[in-house]
Each structure stands twice: as C-alpha cells, then as structure tokens.
Protein backbone atom coordinates (compact mmCIF):
# COMPACT_ATOMS: atom_id res chain seq x y z
CA UNK A 1 89.27 8.90 62.95
CA UNK A 2 86.52 7.80 65.40
CA UNK A 3 87.50 5.67 68.36
CA UNK A 4 85.78 2.29 68.49
CA UNK A 5 83.43 1.99 71.43
CA UNK A 6 84.62 -0.29 74.19
CA UNK A 7 82.71 -3.44 74.99
CA UNK A 8 80.27 -3.01 77.86
CA UNK A 9 81.71 -4.35 81.13
CA UNK A 10 78.70 -6.62 81.60
CA UNK A 11 79.74 -8.83 78.66
CA UNK A 12 81.52 -11.97 79.81
CA UNK A 13 81.30 -15.21 81.77
CA UNK A 14 79.95 -15.02 85.33
CA UNK A 15 79.79 -17.39 88.30
CA UNK A 16 76.31 -17.47 89.83
CA UNK A 17 75.50 -17.60 93.54
CA UNK A 18 74.80 -21.34 93.29
CA UNK A 19 78.11 -22.09 91.55
CA UNK A 20 76.95 -22.51 87.95
CA UNK A 21 78.19 -20.27 85.15
CA UNK A 22 76.31 -17.93 82.82
CA UNK A 23 77.33 -15.86 79.83
CA UNK A 24 76.15 -12.31 79.24
CA UNK A 25 76.49 -11.33 75.58
CA UNK A 26 75.13 -8.83 73.09
CA UNK A 27 71.89 -9.87 71.43
CA UNK A 28 69.42 -7.82 69.44
CA UNK A 29 69.37 -4.26 70.77
CA UNK A 30 70.65 -5.27 74.20
CA UNK A 31 72.14 -8.15 76.15
CA UNK A 32 71.09 -11.71 76.97
CA UNK A 33 71.95 -14.00 79.87
CA UNK A 34 72.41 -17.67 78.93
CA UNK A 35 73.21 -20.44 81.39
CA UNK A 36 76.40 -22.33 80.49
CA UNK A 37 76.47 -25.06 83.16
CA UNK A 38 74.06 -26.82 85.49
CA UNK A 39 70.57 -28.19 84.96
CA UNK A 40 69.61 -25.22 82.77
CA UNK A 41 72.68 -25.11 80.48
CA UNK A 42 71.84 -23.47 77.16
CA UNK A 43 68.72 -21.76 78.50
CA UNK A 44 68.28 -18.02 78.05
CA UNK A 45 67.30 -16.61 81.44
CA UNK A 46 67.30 -12.88 80.86
CA UNK A 47 67.43 -9.92 78.54
CA UNK A 48 68.11 -6.28 79.23
CA UNK A 49 69.17 -2.97 77.76
CA UNK A 50 71.30 -0.11 79.00
CA UNK A 51 74.88 1.08 79.05
CA UNK A 52 77.74 2.20 81.26
CA UNK A 53 77.15 -0.58 83.79
CA UNK A 54 73.44 0.19 84.40
CA UNK A 55 70.74 -1.92 82.77
CA UNK A 56 67.03 -2.74 83.02
CA UNK A 57 65.14 -5.76 81.75
CA UNK A 58 63.77 -9.14 82.75
CA UNK A 59 65.31 -12.13 84.47
CA UNK A 60 63.73 -15.60 84.57
CA UNK A 61 64.36 -17.78 87.62
CA UNK A 62 65.08 -21.08 85.81
CA UNK A 63 63.67 -23.47 88.43
CA UNK A 64 60.35 -21.72 89.09
CA UNK A 65 60.09 -20.09 85.63
CA UNK A 66 59.04 -16.85 87.35
CA UNK A 67 59.88 -13.67 85.46
CA UNK A 68 61.25 -10.72 87.39
CA UNK A 69 61.44 -7.14 86.10
CA UNK A 70 64.59 -5.60 87.38
CA UNK A 71 67.85 -3.77 87.25
CA UNK A 72 71.36 -5.02 86.72
CA UNK A 73 74.48 -3.07 87.67
CA UNK A 74 78.13 -3.85 87.05
CA UNK A 75 80.91 -2.75 89.36
CA UNK A 76 84.36 -4.13 88.59
CA UNK A 77 84.13 -7.92 88.58
CA UNK A 78 80.71 -8.05 90.23
CA UNK A 79 77.27 -7.93 88.67
CA UNK A 80 74.29 -7.26 90.92
CA UNK A 81 70.74 -8.07 89.85
CA UNK A 82 67.58 -7.09 91.65
CA UNK A 83 64.25 -8.18 90.28
CA UNK A 84 60.65 -8.05 91.42
CA UNK A 85 57.53 -9.84 90.27
CA UNK A 86 54.27 -7.91 90.72
CA UNK A 87 56.40 -5.29 92.57
CA UNK A 88 55.94 -7.38 95.72
CA UNK A 89 58.22 -10.42 95.57
CA UNK A 90 61.81 -9.30 95.03
CA UNK A 91 65.11 -11.15 94.79
CA UNK A 92 68.71 -10.02 94.60
CA UNK A 93 71.65 -11.88 93.08
CA UNK A 94 75.36 -11.15 93.05
CA UNK A 95 77.56 -12.85 90.46
CA UNK A 96 81.34 -12.64 90.04
CA UNK A 97 83.34 -12.53 86.82
CA UNK A 98 85.28 -15.64 85.81
C-alpha cells in the first residue's frame, strides 16, 4: 500500500515582517500566498512551485504592486523569501509560522 505524501512544510499561516498574516496553500500546480489581515486582506500576493522546502516563483509587493521573481525556502517554522525585479532591485523577507 503506498504511503500518502506529506503536506509540504510551506503550507500554513505565517506572520509577516510587518505583523500581518498570510496563508500559503496549494493552488493549481503549485502554491499561492494570500494575505489574511491588514490593508491587503484577501489579495493574492504570490505563486510558486517546488518541493522539499525549496520553491521558485513570483511575489507581488502589495503596496507598490511591484512583481519580484524569486526563491522561497522553508526551514522549521521560518520561511525566507528573496525576490528581485529586473535582477537589480532585490528584497528579502522572513516570516514565522503561526
């Protein structure tokens, strides 16, 4: 009998650096980030694909609406995102699991 695959560790509710919360959940062939609280509640701000705690995709900065291509890694109860726009302007975020 096959063993059911475990849920990716990235799935869950996360506290952002500015104190709002976001949910990362499966969507389509990957994962989506949706804001749960704050001025951008309900807004999808990212999508990415990957597995085993390492992902690539796009993240949208909700205030400026800038799109960043980047990587997302999960380590324990921390998710780290690093994204760049035009490979020149880069930002890093660290969120913690709630």
